[in-house]
């Protein structure tokens, strides 16, 4: 019984550590993006945004939600 309890505690601790690791990785990616943005030319950024076609309506299939 005690061994199973120890394994459960270690597993829970590992999961919490893994979630923290993912959070820090996302924060670091965001930091890199924020630091890089000033070096992107405005025209290039606007071209990229235009290529995304965010203003176009999207047709959802049967079972699509939204």
C-alpha atoms as a PDB file:
ATOM      1  CA  UNK A   1       0.000   0.000   0.000  1.00  0.00           C
ATOM      2  CA  UNK A   2       2.728   2.476   0.935  1.00  0.00           C
ATOM      3  CA  UNK A   3       4.583   1.854  -2.309  1.00  0.00           C
ATOM      4  CA  UNK A   4       1.427   2.603  -4.315  1.00  0.00           C
ATOM      5  CA  UNK A   5       0.944   5.788  -2.316  1.00  0.00           C
ATOM      6  CA  UNK A   6       4.520   6.856  -2.997  1.00  0.00           C
ATOM      7  CA  UNK A   7       4.118   6.194  -6.723  1.00  0.00           C
ATOM      8  CA  UNK A   8       0.888   8.212  -6.791  1.00  0.00           C
ATOM      9  CA  UNK A   9       2.568  11.137  -5.030  1.00  0.00           C
ATOM     10  CA  UNK A  10       5.547  11.071  -7.405  1.00  0.00           C
ATOM     11  CA  UNK A  11       3.213  10.957 -10.396  1.00  0.00           C
ATOM     12  CA  UNK A  12       1.248  13.949  -9.125  1.00  0.00           C
ATOM     13  CA  UNK A  13       4.457  15.865  -8.472  1.00  0.00           C
ATOM     14  CA  UNK A  14       5.717  15.054 -11.978  1.00  0.00           C
ATOM     15  CA  UNK A  15       2.468  16.281 -13.543  1.00  0.00           C
ATOM     16  CA  UNK A  16       2.664  19.588 -11.677  1.00  0.00           C
ATOM     17  CA  UNK A  17       6.301  20.052 -12.704  1.00  0.00           C
ATOM     18  CA  UNK A  18       5.443  19.255 -16.330  1.00  0.00           C
ATOM     19  CA  UNK A  19       2.628  21.834 -16.357  1.00  0.00           C
ATOM     20  CA  UNK A  20       5.020  24.453 -14.942  1.00  0.00           C
ATOM     21  CA  UNK A  21       7.550  23.558 -17.642  1.00  0.00           C
ATOM     22  CA  UNK A  22       4.936  24.052 -20.377  1.00  0.00           C
ATOM     23  CA  UNK A  23       3.935  27.406 -18.902  1.00  0.00           C
ATOM     24  CA  UNK A  24       7.515  28.653 -18.826  1.00  0.00           C
ATOM     25  CA  UNK A  25       8.086  27.443 -22.400  1.00  0.00           C
ATOM     26  CA  UNK A  26       5.034  29.408 -23.586  1.00  0.00           C
ATOM     27  CA  UNK A  27       6.199  32.514 -21.733  1.00  0.00           C
ATOM     28  CA  UNK A  28       9.640  32.238 -23.341  1.00  0.00           C
ATOM     29  CA  UNK A  29       8.110  31.850 -26.817  1.00  0.00           C
ATOM     30  CA  UNK A  30       5.995  34.931 -26.203  1.00  0.00           C
ATOM     31  CA  UNK A  31       9.066  36.854 -25.075  1.00  0.00           C
ATOM     32  CA  UNK A  32      10.923  35.897 -28.261  1.00  0.00           C
ATOM     33  CA  UNK A  33       7.983  37.020 -30.405  1.00  0.00           C
ATOM     34  CA  UNK A  34       7.699  40.344 -28.571  1.00  0.00           C
ATOM     35  CA  UNK A  35      11.436  40.974 -28.962  1.00  0.00           C
ATOM     36  CA  UNK A  36      11.333  40.085 -32.679  1.00  0.00           C
ATOM     37  CA  UNK A  37       8.281  42.140 -33.685  1.00  0.00           C
ATOM     38  CA  UNK A  38      10.055  45.529 -33.895  1.00  0.00           C
ATOM     39  CA  UNK A  39      12.430  44.129 -36.538  1.00  0.00           C
ATOM     40  CA  UNK A  40       9.586  43.110 -38.898  1.00  0.00           C
ATOM     41  CA  UNK A  41       8.822  45.734 -41.546  1.00  0.00           C
ATOM     42  CA  UNK A  42       5.309  47.180 -41.371  1.00  0.00           C
ATOM     43  CA  UNK A  43       4.616  46.375 -45.031  1.00  0.00           C
ATOM     44  CA  UNK A  44       5.672  42.753 -44.553  1.00  0.00           C
ATOM     45  CA  UNK A  45       3.500  42.427 -41.438  1.00  0.00           C
ATOM     46  CA  UNK A  46       0.462  43.879 -43.235  1.00  0.00           C
ATOM     47  CA  UNK A  47       1.045  41.486 -46.141  1.00  0.00           C
ATOM     48  CA  UNK A  48       1.151  38.568 -43.706  1.00  0.00           C
ATOM     49  CA  UNK A  49      -2.062  39.672 -42.003  1.00  0.00           C
ATOM     50  CA  UNK A  50      -3.732  40.034 -45.419  1.00  0.00           C
ATOM     51  CA  UNK A  51      -2.715  36.498 -46.375  1.00  0.00           C
ATOM     52  CA  UNK A  52      -4.472  35.145 -43.260  1.00  0.00           C
ATOM     53  CA  UNK A  53      -7.812  36.425 -44.639  1.00  0.00           C
ATOM     54  CA  UNK A  54      -9.219  36.883 -41.156  1.00  0.00           C
ATOM     55  CA  UNK A  55     -12.125  38.981 -42.498  1.00  0.00           C
ATOM     56  CA  UNK A  56     -13.434  36.162 -44.732  1.00  0.00           C
ATOM     57  CA  UNK A  57     -16.333  34.094 -43.475  1.00  0.00           C
ATOM     58  CA  UNK A  58     -15.618  30.442 -42.836  1.00  0.00           C
ATOM     59  CA  UNK A  59     -18.136  27.778 -43.811  1.00  0.00           C
ATOM     60  CA  UNK A  60     -18.474  25.164 -41.121  1.00  0.00           C
ATOM     61  CA  UNK A  61     -19.253  21.582 -41.973  1.00  0.00           C
ATOM     62  CA  UNK A  62     -22.089  19.584 -40.483  1.00  0.00           C
ATOM     63  CA  UNK A  63     -21.226  19.135 -36.835  1.00  0.00           C
ATOM     64  CA  UNK A  64     -18.997  22.204 -36.777  1.00  0.00           C
ATOM     65  CA  UNK A  65     -19.674  24.534 -33.885  1.00  0.00           C
ATOM     66  CA  UNK A  66     -19.499  28.275 -34.212  1.00  0.00           C
END
